[in-house]
Amino acid sequence: MLKKKDFIINGKHNKPILIDVSYLANTTNNPIIIFCHGYKGFKDWGAWNIMAEYFANAGFCFIKFNFSHNGGTIEQPIDFPDLEAFGNNNYTKELDDLQSVINWCFENATIKKTGNLDRLALIGHSRGGGIVSIKANEDNRVKAIISLAGVSDFLSRTIANVDVETWEKTGVKYVLNGRTKQQMPHYYQFYLDTVNNKDRLNIKNAVSNLKIPHLIIHGDNDTSVFIDEAENLHKWNPKSTLEIIKGANHVFESRHPWDTNKLPKALKEVVNKTIFFLNSK
């Protein structure tokens, strides 16, 4: 029987982190996966819940969480009621949040009972792919990583098509959320945090140093993060495995809301490739 439990933990930056864990009841020693959502994302977006169930039914302890400053709240975790938090988010906060979740895994009774902490993998989608790449290089408790439509460079993405001088002068820039129609704020601290931590946030260096199994999955119809970013990741870590999903877009044909209990074909292919990869290591 599939079980799902919700948890709330304290983040390092004065905001809580909402977590859910999916696993098969009365099982032990399950490999653990921690999933990181991407930019303008959240743990319950689209088909992520169906994906969690699929992994759990395949024998994994699957953990996903909302970054503390993703714009959601404990009471309203879907979409972005807290735009002030969103505006104050940055890459190092997300790295800290992921560290908090990893640390929590090693302390939580449910995880220790059902999961195998010696088989801890990270999966990151889009911006989350960059976050897991850096964290895997920082924390030797991580034994494998999977980048789904992952970015390869934070700094260039942060300053792309941006007048930094105006950003500094006004203190904020806005990005339209095409789905919710919200103007999403990005305070100037985001730029400063990225520049001040540019060495730590160098995905190329992190990926080049990886000594653990590394799977890169990308759709060849991704117009948000182009496929050359996946090719860069693979070039920087030649021991990695690169899988291209034919015809798949940035979210592997999912959407929000997702109103069926089946995975889209492209995302199912992603999950099956990931399961095969992790079980073969």
C-alpha atoms as a PDB file:
ATOM      1  CA  MET A   1       0.000   0.000   0.000  1.00  0.00           C
ATOM      2  CA  LEU A   2       1.285   3.433  -0.965  1.00  0.00           C
ATOM      3  CA  LYS A   3       1.745   5.882   1.901  1.00  0.00           C
ATOM      4  CA  LYS A   4       2.279   9.619   1.796  1.00  0.00           C
ATOM      5  CA  LYS A   5       3.310  11.721   4.777  1.00  0.00           C
ATOM      6  CA  ASP A   6       3.650  15.489   5.102  1.00  0.00           C
ATOM      7  CA  PHE A   7       6.256  17.243   7.222  1.00  0.00           C
ATOM      8  CA  ILE A   8       7.220  20.824   8.044  1.00  0.00           C
ATOM      9  CA  ILE A   9      10.787  21.643   9.031  1.00  0.00           C
ATOM     10  CA  ASN A  10      12.527  24.887   9.920  1.00  0.00           C
ATOM     11  CA  GLY A  11      14.649  26.404   7.196  1.00  0.00           C
ATOM     12  CA  LYS A  12      17.844  28.345   7.796  1.00  0.00           C
ATOM     13  CA  HIS A  13      16.284  31.591   6.559  1.00  0.00           C
ATOM     14  CA  ASN A  14      13.322  32.093   8.908  1.00  0.00           C
ATOM     15  CA  LYS A  15      10.795  30.360   6.696  1.00  0.00           C
ATOM     16  CA  PRO A  16       9.521  26.782   6.987  1.00  0.00           C
ATOM     17  CA  ILE A  17      10.043  24.091   4.372  1.00  0.00           C
ATOM     18  CA  LEU A  18       7.070  21.915   3.425  1.00  0.00           C
ATOM     19  CA  ILE A  19       7.960  18.295   2.588  1.00  0.00           C
ATOM     20  CA  ASP A  20       6.063  15.217   1.492  1.00  0.00           C
ATOM     21  CA  VAL A  21       7.333  11.634   1.436  1.00  0.00           C
ATOM     22  CA  SER A  22       5.871   8.811  -0.681  1.00  0.00           C
ATOM     23  CA  TYR A  23       6.762   5.157  -0.066  1.00  0.00           C
ATOM     24  CA  LEU A  24       5.337   1.659   0.117  1.00  0.00           C
ATOM     25  CA  ALA A  25       4.066   0.743   3.577  1.00  0.00           C
ATOM     26  CA  ASN A  26       5.858  -1.952   5.545  1.00  0.00           C
ATOM     27  CA  THR A  27       9.001  -1.780   3.424  1.00  0.00           C
ATOM     28  CA  THR A  28      12.567  -0.986   4.404  1.00  0.00           C
ATOM     29  CA  ASN A  29      15.899  -0.257   2.745  1.00  0.00           C
ATOM     30  CA  ASN A  30      14.321   1.715  -0.106  1.00  0.00           C
ATOM     31  CA  PRO A  31      16.681   3.929  -2.130  1.00  0.00           C
ATOM     32  CA  ILE A  32      15.937   7.580  -1.360  1.00  0.00           C
ATOM     33  CA  ILE A  33      15.262  10.319  -3.904  1.00  0.00           C
ATOM     34  CA  ILE A  34      15.000  14.007  -3.047  1.00  0.00           C
ATOM     35  CA  PHE A  35      13.330  16.042  -5.796  1.00  0.00           C
ATOM     36  CA  CYS A  36      13.954  19.775  -6.285  1.00  0.00           C
ATOM     37  CA  HIS A  37      11.478  21.835  -8.299  1.00  0.00           C
ATOM     38  CA  GLY A  38      12.532  24.616 -10.623  1.00  0.00           C
ATOM     39  CA  TYR A  39      12.016  28.350 -11.117  1.00  0.00           C
ATOM     40  CA  LYS A  40       8.398  29.441 -10.596  1.00  0.00           C
ATOM     41  CA  GLY A  41       7.748  25.862  -9.499  1.00  0.00           C
ATOM     42  CA  PHE A  42       6.470  24.028  -6.458  1.00  0.00           C
ATOM     43  CA  LYS A  43       6.406  20.423  -5.287  1.00  0.00           C
ATOM     44  CA  ASP A  44       2.743  19.853  -6.274  1.00  0.00           C
ATOM     45  CA  TRP A  45       3.052  21.347  -9.748  1.00  0.00           C
ATOM     46  CA  GLY A  46       1.592  19.434 -12.669  1.00  0.00           C
ATOM     47  CA  ALA A  47       2.264  15.706 -12.648  1.00  0.00           C
ATOM     48  CA  TRP A  48       4.915  15.747  -9.897  1.00  0.00           C
ATOM     49  CA  ASN A  49       2.550  13.975  -7.466  1.00  0.00           C
ATOM     50  CA  ILE A  50       1.858  11.205  -9.991  1.00  0.00           C
ATOM     51  CA  MET A  51       5.612  10.970 -10.576  1.00  0.00           C
ATOM     52  CA  ALA A  52       6.196  10.578  -6.829  1.00  0.00           C
ATOM     53  CA  GLU A  53       3.687   7.723  -6.682  1.00  0.00           C
ATOM     54  CA  TYR A  54       5.329   6.029  -9.667  1.00  0.00           C
ATOM     55  CA  PHE A  55       8.748   6.127  -8.016  1.00  0.00           C
ATOM     56  CA  ALA A  56       7.310   4.916  -4.702  1.00  0.00           C
ATOM     57  CA  ASN A  57       5.553   1.981  -6.352  1.00  0.00           C
ATOM     58  CA  ALA A  58       8.881   1.110  -7.980  1.00  0.00           C
ATOM     59  CA  GLY A  59      10.437   0.751  -4.526  1.00  0.00           C
ATOM     60  CA  PHE A  60      11.842   4.204  -3.825  1.00  0.00           C
ATOM     61  CA  CYS A  61      11.352   6.518  -0.885  1.00  0.00           C
ATOM     62  CA  PHE A  62      10.496   9.691  -2.796  1.00  0.00           C
ATOM     63  CA  ILE A  63      10.813  13.089  -1.102  1.00  0.00           C
ATOM     64  CA  LYS A  64       9.838  16.428  -2.569  1.00  0.00           C
ATOM     65  CA  PHE A  65       9.644  19.837  -0.984  1.00  0.00           C
ATOM     66  CA  ASN A  66       8.971  23.503  -1.574  1.00  0.00           C
ATOM     67  CA  PHE A  67      11.952  25.797  -1.368  1.00  0.00           C
ATOM     68  CA  SER A  68      11.340  28.118   1.571  1.00  0.00           C
ATOM     69  CA  HIS A  69      11.255  31.268  -0.588  1.00  0.00           C
ATOM     70  CA  ASN A  70       9.513  29.875  -3.673  1.00  0.00           C
ATOM     71  CA  GLY A  71       6.502  32.125  -3.057  1.00  0.00           C
ATOM     72  CA  GLY A  72       4.220  29.515  -1.499  1.00  0.00           C
ATOM     73  CA  THR A  73       3.157  29.278   2.115  1.00  0.00           C
ATOM     74  CA  ILE A  74       2.335  26.393   4.447  1.00  0.00           C
ATOM     75  CA  GLU A  75      -1.359  27.290   4.219  1.00  0.00           C
ATOM     76  CA  GLN A  76      -1.286  27.877   0.463  1.00  0.00           C
ATOM     77  CA  PRO A  77       1.599  25.842  -0.991  1.00  0.00           C
ATOM     78  CA  ILE A  78       0.365  25.946  -4.573  1.00  0.00           C
ATOM     79  CA  ASP A  79       1.143  29.017  -6.678  1.00  0.00           C
ATOM     80  CA  PHE A  80       2.565  32.205  -5.226  1.00  0.00           C
ATOM     81  CA  PRO A  81       0.665  34.070  -2.507  1.00  0.00           C
ATOM     82  CA  ASP A  82       3.940  35.322  -0.934  1.00  0.00           C
ATOM     83  CA  LEU A  83       5.599  37.379  -3.646  1.00  0.00           C
ATOM     84  CA  GLU A  84       7.757  39.145  -1.047  1.00  0.00           C
ATOM     85  CA  ALA A  85       9.422  35.821  -0.244  1.00  0.00           C
ATOM     86  CA  PHE A  86       9.770  35.058  -3.952  1.00  0.00           C
ATOM     87  CA  GLY A  87      11.527  38.376  -4.486  1.00  0.00           C
ATOM     88  CA  ASN A  88      13.983  37.578  -1.709  1.00  0.00           C
ATOM     89  CA  ASN A  89      14.838  34.110  -2.987  1.00  0.00           C
ATOM     90  CA  ASN A  90      18.263  33.309  -4.418  1.00  0.00           C
ATOM     91  CA  TYR A  91      20.446  30.349  -5.336  1.00  0.00           C
ATOM     92  CA  THR A  92      22.309  30.142  -2.022  1.00  0.00           C
ATOM     93  CA  LYS A  93      19.032  30.077  -0.087  1.00  0.00           C
ATOM     94  CA  GLU A  94      17.945  27.127  -2.222  1.00  0.00           C
ATOM     95  CA  LEU A  95      21.243  25.351  -1.574  1.00  0.00           C
ATOM     96  CA  ASP A  96      20.718  25.922   2.145  1.00  0.00           C
ATOM     97  CA  ASP A  97      17.149  24.600   1.925  1.00  0.00           C
ATOM     98  CA  LEU A  98      18.323  21.447   0.167  1.00  0.00           C
ATOM     99  CA  GLN A  99      21.014  21.004   2.821  1.00  0.00           C
ATOM    100  CA  SER A 100      18.338  21.290   5.517  1.00  0.00           C
ATOM    101  CA  VAL A 101      16.247  18.605   3.814  1.00  0.00           C
ATOM    102  CA  ILE A 102      19.231  16.262   3.446  1.00  0.00           C
ATOM    103  CA  ASN A 103      20.149  16.753   7.097  1.00  0.00           C
ATOM    104  CA  TRP A 104      16.526  16.114   8.094  1.00  0.00           C
ATOM    105  CA  CYS A 105      16.534  12.811   6.198  1.00  0.00           C
ATOM    106  CA  PHE A 106      19.310  11.544   8.441  1.00  0.00           C
ATOM    107  CA  GLU A 107      17.313  12.469  11.559  1.00  0.00           C
ATOM    108  CA  ASN A 108      13.711  11.610  10.636  1.00  0.00           C
ATOM    109  CA  ALA A 109      12.330   8.331  11.973  1.00  0.00           C
ATOM    110  CA  THR A 110      10.159   7.614   8.901  1.00  0.00           C
ATOM    111  CA  ILE A 111      13.076   8.054   6.498  1.00  0.00           C
ATOM    112  CA  LYS A 112      15.464   6.001   8.630  1.00  0.00           C
ATOM    113  CA  LYS A 113      12.900   3.200   8.924  1.00  0.00           C
ATOM    114  CA  THR A 114      11.836   2.921   5.284  1.00  0.00           C
ATOM    115  CA  GLY A 115      14.824   4.360   3.417  1.00  0.00           C
ATOM    116  CA  ASN A 116      18.423   3.417   2.732  1.00  0.00           C
ATOM    117  CA  LEU A 117      20.509   6.490   3.539  1.00  0.00           C
ATOM    118  CA  ASP A 118      23.495   4.944   1.778  1.00  0.00           C
ATOM    119  CA  ARG A 119      21.541   5.219  -1.479  1.00  0.00           C
ATOM    120  CA  LEU A 120      20.532   8.875  -1.496  1.00  0.00           C
ATOM    121  CA  ALA A 121      19.975  10.466  -4.906  1.00  0.00           C
ATOM    122  CA  LEU A 122      19.008  14.006  -5.922  1.00  0.00           C
ATOM    123  CA  ILE A 123      16.770  14.905  -8.849  1.00  0.00           C
ATOM    124  CA  GLY A 124      16.445  18.519  -9.946  1.00  0.00           C
ATOM    125  CA  HIS A 125      14.227  19.989 -12.639  1.00  0.00           C
ATOM    126  CA  SER A 126      15.342  23.076 -14.582  1.00  0.00           C
ATOM    127  CA  ARG A 127      16.882  25.529 -12.095  1.00  0.00           C
ATOM    128  CA  GLY A 128      16.699  22.688  -9.574  1.00  0.00           C
ATOM    129  CA  GLY A 129      19.046  20.739 -11.838  1.00  0.00           C
ATOM    130  CA  GLY A 130      21.723  23.341 -11.212  1.00  0.00           C
ATOM    131  CA  ILE A 131      21.026  23.293  -7.483  1.00  0.00           C
ATOM    132  CA  VAL A 132      21.426  19.504  -7.204  1.00  0.00           C
ATOM    133  CA  SER A 133      24.590  19.577  -9.326  1.00  0.00           C
ATOM    134  CA  ILE A 134      26.256  21.977  -6.900  1.00  0.00           C
ATOM    135  CA  LYS A 135      24.958  20.267  -3.774  1.00  0.00           C
ATOM    136  CA  ALA A 136      26.067  16.818  -4.953  1.00  0.00           C
ATOM    137  CA  ASN A 137      29.588  18.190  -5.256  1.00  0.00           C
ATOM    138  CA  GLU A 138      29.368  19.690  -1.757  1.00  0.00           C
ATOM    139  CA  ASP A 139      27.860  16.786   0.203  1.00  0.00           C
ATOM    140  CA  ASN A 140      29.401  13.326  -0.024  1.00  0.00           C
ATOM    141  CA  ARG A 141      26.255  11.744   1.401  1.00  0.00           C
ATOM    142  CA  VAL A 142      24.711  12.197  -2.061  1.00  0.00           C
ATOM    143  CA  LYS A 143      25.381   9.049  -4.091  1.00  0.00           C
ATOM    144  CA  ALA A 144      23.783   9.921  -7.457  1.00  0.00           C
ATOM    145  CA  ILE A 145      22.217  12.884  -9.236  1.00  0.00           C
ATOM    146  CA  ILE A 146      19.755  13.322 -12.070  1.00  0.00           C
ATOM    147  CA  SER A 147      19.341  16.599 -13.938  1.00  0.00           C
ATOM    148  CA  LEU A 148      15.971  16.997 -15.711  1.00  0.00           C
ATOM    149  CA  ALA A 149      15.999  19.797 -18.269  1.00  0.00           C
ATOM    150  CA  GLY A 150      18.666  21.306 -16.035  1.00  0.00           C
ATOM    151  CA  VAL A 151      20.418  24.636 -16.473  1.00  0.00           C
ATOM    152  CA  SER A 152      24.188  24.764 -16.901  1.00  0.00           C
ATOM    153  CA  ASP A 153      25.014  28.346 -15.895  1.00  0.00           C
ATOM    154  CA  PHE A 154      23.436  30.482 -13.179  1.00  0.00           C
ATOM    155  CA  LEU A 155      25.316  33.745 -13.718  1.00  0.00           C
ATOM    156  CA  SER A 156      24.577  34.162 -17.418  1.00  0.00           C
ATOM    157  CA  ARG A 157      20.933  33.275 -16.830  1.00  0.00           C
ATOM    158  CA  THR A 158      20.673  35.847 -14.017  1.00  0.00           C
ATOM    159  CA  ILE A 159      21.937  38.747 -16.124  1.00  0.00           C
ATOM    160  CA  ALA A 160      20.445  37.728 -19.480  1.00  0.00           C
ATOM    161  CA  ASN A 161      18.461  40.570 -21.078  1.00  0.00           C
ATOM    162  CA  VAL A 162      18.749  42.611 -17.879  1.00  0.00           C
ATOM    163  CA  ASP A 163      19.876  46.216 -17.412  1.00  0.00           C
ATOM    164  CA  VAL A 164      21.791  45.676 -14.167  1.00  0.00           C
ATOM    165  CA  GLU A 165      22.249  49.412 -13.611  1.00  0.00           C
ATOM    166  CA  THR A 166      18.489  49.984 -13.697  1.00  0.00           C
ATOM    167  CA  TRP A 167      17.955  46.921 -11.516  1.00  0.00           C
ATOM    168  CA  GLU A 168      20.296  48.385  -8.911  1.00  0.00           C
ATOM    169  CA  LYS A 169      18.659  51.806  -9.106  1.00  0.00           C
ATOM    170  CA  THR A 170      15.075  50.547  -8.772  1.00  0.00           C
ATOM    171  CA  GLY A 171      15.930  47.657  -6.453  1.00  0.00           C
ATOM    172  CA  VAL A 172      13.638  45.251  -8.277  1.00  0.00           C
ATOM    173  CA  LYS A 173      12.867  43.748 -11.669  1.00  0.00           C
ATOM    174  CA  TYR A 174       9.695  41.879 -12.600  1.00  0.00           C
ATOM    175  CA  VAL A 175       9.026  38.770 -14.652  1.00  0.00           C
ATOM    176  CA  LEU A 176       5.529  37.915 -15.843  1.00  0.00           C
ATOM    177  CA  ASN A 177       4.211  34.508 -14.859  1.00  0.00           C
ATOM    178  CA  GLY A 178       2.392  33.538 -18.028  1.00  0.00           C
ATOM    179  CA  ARG A 179       0.124  31.058 -16.256  1.00  0.00           C
ATOM    180  CA  THR A 180      -0.909  33.029 -13.146  1.00  0.00           C
ATOM    181  CA  LYS A 181      -0.461  36.482 -14.781  1.00  0.00           C
ATOM    182  CA  GLN A 182       1.428  37.681 -11.696  1.00  0.00           C
ATOM    183  CA  GLN A 183       4.313  40.093 -11.969  1.00  0.00           C
ATOM    184  CA  MET A 184       6.996  38.159 -10.079  1.00  0.00           C
ATOM    185  CA  PRO A 185       9.517  40.415  -8.292  1.00  0.00           C
ATOM    186  CA  HIS A 186      13.249  39.786  -8.192  1.00  0.00           C
ATOM    187  CA  TYR A 187      14.974  42.105  -5.767  1.00  0.00           C
ATOM    188  CA  TYR A 188      18.484  43.321  -6.494  1.00  0.00           C
ATOM    189  CA  GLN A 189      19.801  41.056  -3.738  1.00  0.00           C
ATOM    190  CA  PHE A 190      19.385  38.177  -6.193  1.00  0.00           C
ATOM    191  CA  TYR A 191      22.011  39.667  -8.501  1.00  0.00           C
ATOM    192  CA  LEU A 192      24.342  40.516  -5.623  1.00  0.00           C
ATOM    193  CA  ASP A 193      24.059  37.040  -4.126  1.00  0.00           C
ATOM    194  CA  THR A 194      24.811  35.440  -7.482  1.00  0.00           C
ATOM    195  CA  VAL A 195      27.865  37.608  -8.162  1.00  0.00           C
ATOM    196  CA  ASN A 196      29.213  37.402  -4.625  1.00  0.00           C
ATOM    197  CA  ASN A 197      28.949  33.599  -4.707  1.00  0.00           C
ATOM    198  CA  LYS A 198      29.907  33.072  -8.346  1.00  0.00           C
ATOM    199  CA  ASP A 199      32.617  30.513  -7.543  1.00  0.00           C
ATOM    200  CA  ARG A 200      30.321  28.364  -5.441  1.00  0.00           C
ATOM    201  CA  LEU A 201      27.518  28.735  -7.994  1.00  0.00           C
ATOM    202  CA  ASN A 202      29.697  27.604 -10.912  1.00  0.00           C
ATOM    203  CA  ILE A 203      27.823  24.570 -12.234  1.00  0.00           C
ATOM    204  CA  LYS A 204      30.618  23.731 -14.674  1.00  0.00           C
ATOM    205  CA  ASN A 205      33.132  23.353 -11.848  1.00  0.00           C
ATOM    206  CA  ALA A 206      30.690  21.340  -9.736  1.00  0.00           C
ATOM    207  CA  VAL A 207      29.801  18.920 -12.538  1.00  0.00           C
ATOM    208  CA  SER A 208      33.440  18.523 -13.587  1.00  0.00           C
ATOM    209  CA  ASN A 209      34.297  17.399 -10.057  1.00  0.00           C
ATOM    210  CA  LEU A 210      31.517  14.817  -9.692  1.00  0.00           C
ATOM    211  CA  LYS A 211      32.644  11.277  -8.917  1.00  0.00           C
ATOM    212  CA  ILE A 212      29.158   9.783  -8.508  1.00  0.00           C
ATOM    213  CA  PRO A 213      26.659   8.462 -11.081  1.00  0.00           C
ATOM    214  CA  HIS A 214      25.247  11.407 -13.046  1.00  0.00           C
ATOM    215  CA  LEU A 215      22.243  11.191 -15.374  1.00  0.00           C
ATOM    216  CA  ILE A 216      21.267  14.088 -17.637  1.00  0.00           C
ATOM    217  CA  ILE A 217      17.818  13.992 -19.270  1.00  0.00           C
ATOM    218  CA  HIS A 218      16.585  16.635 -21.684  1.00  0.00           C
ATOM    219  CA  GLY A 219      13.837  17.022 -24.256  1.00  0.00           C
ATOM    220  CA  ASP A 220      14.873  18.005 -27.763  1.00  0.00           C
ATOM    221  CA  ASN A 221      11.859  20.337 -27.991  1.00  0.00           C
ATOM    222  CA  ASP A 222      12.739  22.315 -24.843  1.00  0.00           C
ATOM    223  CA  THR A 223      12.410  26.027 -25.589  1.00  0.00           C
ATOM    224  CA  SER A 224      13.023  27.172 -21.992  1.00  0.00           C
ATOM    225  CA  VAL A 225      16.388  25.514 -21.387  1.00  0.00           C
ATOM    226  CA  PHE A 226      17.954  24.640 -24.703  1.00  0.00           C
ATOM    227  CA  ILE A 227      19.425  21.208 -25.273  1.00  0.00           C
ATOM    228  CA  ASP A 228      22.942  22.616 -25.593  1.00  0.00           C
ATOM    229  CA  GLU A 229      22.913  23.115 -21.821  1.00  0.00           C
ATOM    230  CA  ALA A 230      22.488  19.349 -21.377  1.00  0.00           C
ATOM    231  CA  GLU A 231      25.283  18.802 -23.872  1.00  0.00           C
ATOM    232  CA  ASN A 232      27.493  21.182 -21.864  1.00  0.00           C
ATOM    233  CA  LEU A 233      26.845  19.216 -18.677  1.00  0.00           C
ATOM    234  CA  HIS A 234      27.721  15.975 -20.440  1.00  0.00           C
ATOM    235  CA  LYS A 235      30.878  17.498 -21.931  1.00  0.00           C
ATOM    236  CA  TRP A 236      32.021  18.737 -18.522  1.00  0.00           C
ATOM    237  CA  ASN A 237      31.450  15.291 -16.996  1.00  0.00           C
ATOM    238  CA  PRO A 238      32.181  12.746 -19.744  1.00  0.00           C
ATOM    239  CA  LYS A 239      31.376   9.895 -17.335  1.00  0.00           C
ATOM    240  CA  SER A 240      27.785  11.115 -17.119  1.00  0.00           C
ATOM    241  CA  THR A 241      24.913   9.522 -19.031  1.00  0.00           C
ATOM    242  CA  LEU A 242      22.967  11.755 -21.439  1.00  0.00           C
ATOM    243  CA  GLU A 243      19.435  10.763 -22.454  1.00  0.00           C
ATOM    244  CA  ILE A 244      17.483  12.803 -25.011  1.00  0.00           C
ATOM    245  CA  ILE A 245      13.693  12.478 -24.997  1.00  0.00           C
ATOM    246  CA  LYS A 246      12.464  12.914 -28.540  1.00  0.00           C
ATOM    247  CA  GLY A 247       9.791  15.577 -28.963  1.00  0.00           C
ATOM    248  CA  ALA A 248       9.666  16.431 -25.249  1.00  0.00           C
ATOM    249  CA  ASN A 249       9.320  19.998 -24.033  1.00  0.00           C
ATOM    250  CA  HIS A 250      10.712  21.599 -20.865  1.00  0.00           C
ATOM    251  CA  VAL A 251       8.212  19.873 -18.552  1.00  0.00           C
ATOM    252  CA  PHE A 252       8.151  16.582 -20.480  1.00  0.00           C
ATOM    253  CA  GLU A 253       4.587  17.155 -21.692  1.00  0.00           C
ATOM    254  CA  SER A 254       3.162  17.786 -18.240  1.00  0.00           C
ATOM    255  CA  ARG A 255       1.186  20.925 -17.381  1.00  0.00           C
ATOM    256  CA  HIS A 256      -0.536  22.532 -14.432  1.00  0.00           C
ATOM    257  CA  PRO A 257      -3.044  21.553 -13.325  1.00  0.00           C
ATOM    258  CA  TRP A 258      -2.621  17.882 -14.211  1.00  0.00           C
ATOM    259  CA  ASP A 259      -6.035  16.235 -14.056  1.00  0.00           C
ATOM    260  CA  THR A 260      -5.350  12.561 -14.771  1.00  0.00           C
ATOM    261  CA  ASN A 261      -3.739   9.816 -12.700  1.00  0.00           C
ATOM    262  CA  LYS A 262      -1.356   8.826 -15.486  1.00  0.00           C
ATOM    263  CA  LEU A 263       2.010  10.273 -16.392  1.00  0.00           C
ATOM    264  CA  PRO A 264       2.391  11.934 -19.778  1.00  0.00           C
ATOM    265  CA  LYS A 265       4.302   9.686 -22.152  1.00  0.00           C
ATOM    266  CA  ALA A 266       7.487  11.765 -22.131  1.00  0.00           C
ATOM    267  CA  LEU A 267       7.597  12.072 -18.327  1.00  0.00           C
ATOM    268  CA  LYS A 268       6.950   8.341 -17.971  1.00  0.00           C
ATOM    269  CA  GLU A 269       9.965   7.745 -20.194  1.00  0.00           C
ATOM    270  CA  VAL A 270      11.993  10.064 -17.946  1.00  0.00           C
ATOM    271  CA  VAL A 271      10.938   8.175 -14.829  1.00  0.00           C
ATOM    272  CA  ASN A 272      11.624   4.762 -16.326  1.00  0.00           C
ATOM    273  CA  LYS A 273      15.084   5.825 -17.502  1.00  0.00           C
ATOM    274  CA  THR A 274      15.799   7.216 -14.045  1.00  0.00           C
ATOM    275  CA  ILE A 275      14.664   4.036 -12.286  1.00  0.00           C
ATOM    276  CA  PHE A 276      16.792   1.901 -14.593  1.00  0.00           C
ATOM    277  CA  PHE A 277      19.789   4.186 -14.048  1.00  0.00           C
ATOM    278  CA  LEU A 278      19.522   4.154 -10.248  1.00  0.00           C
ATOM    279  CA  ASN A 279      18.867   0.432 -10.010  1.00  0.00           C
ATOM    280  CA  SER A 280      21.891  -0.323 -12.176  1.00  0.00           C
ATOM    281  CA  LYS A 281      24.307   1.581  -9.928  1.00  0.00           C
END
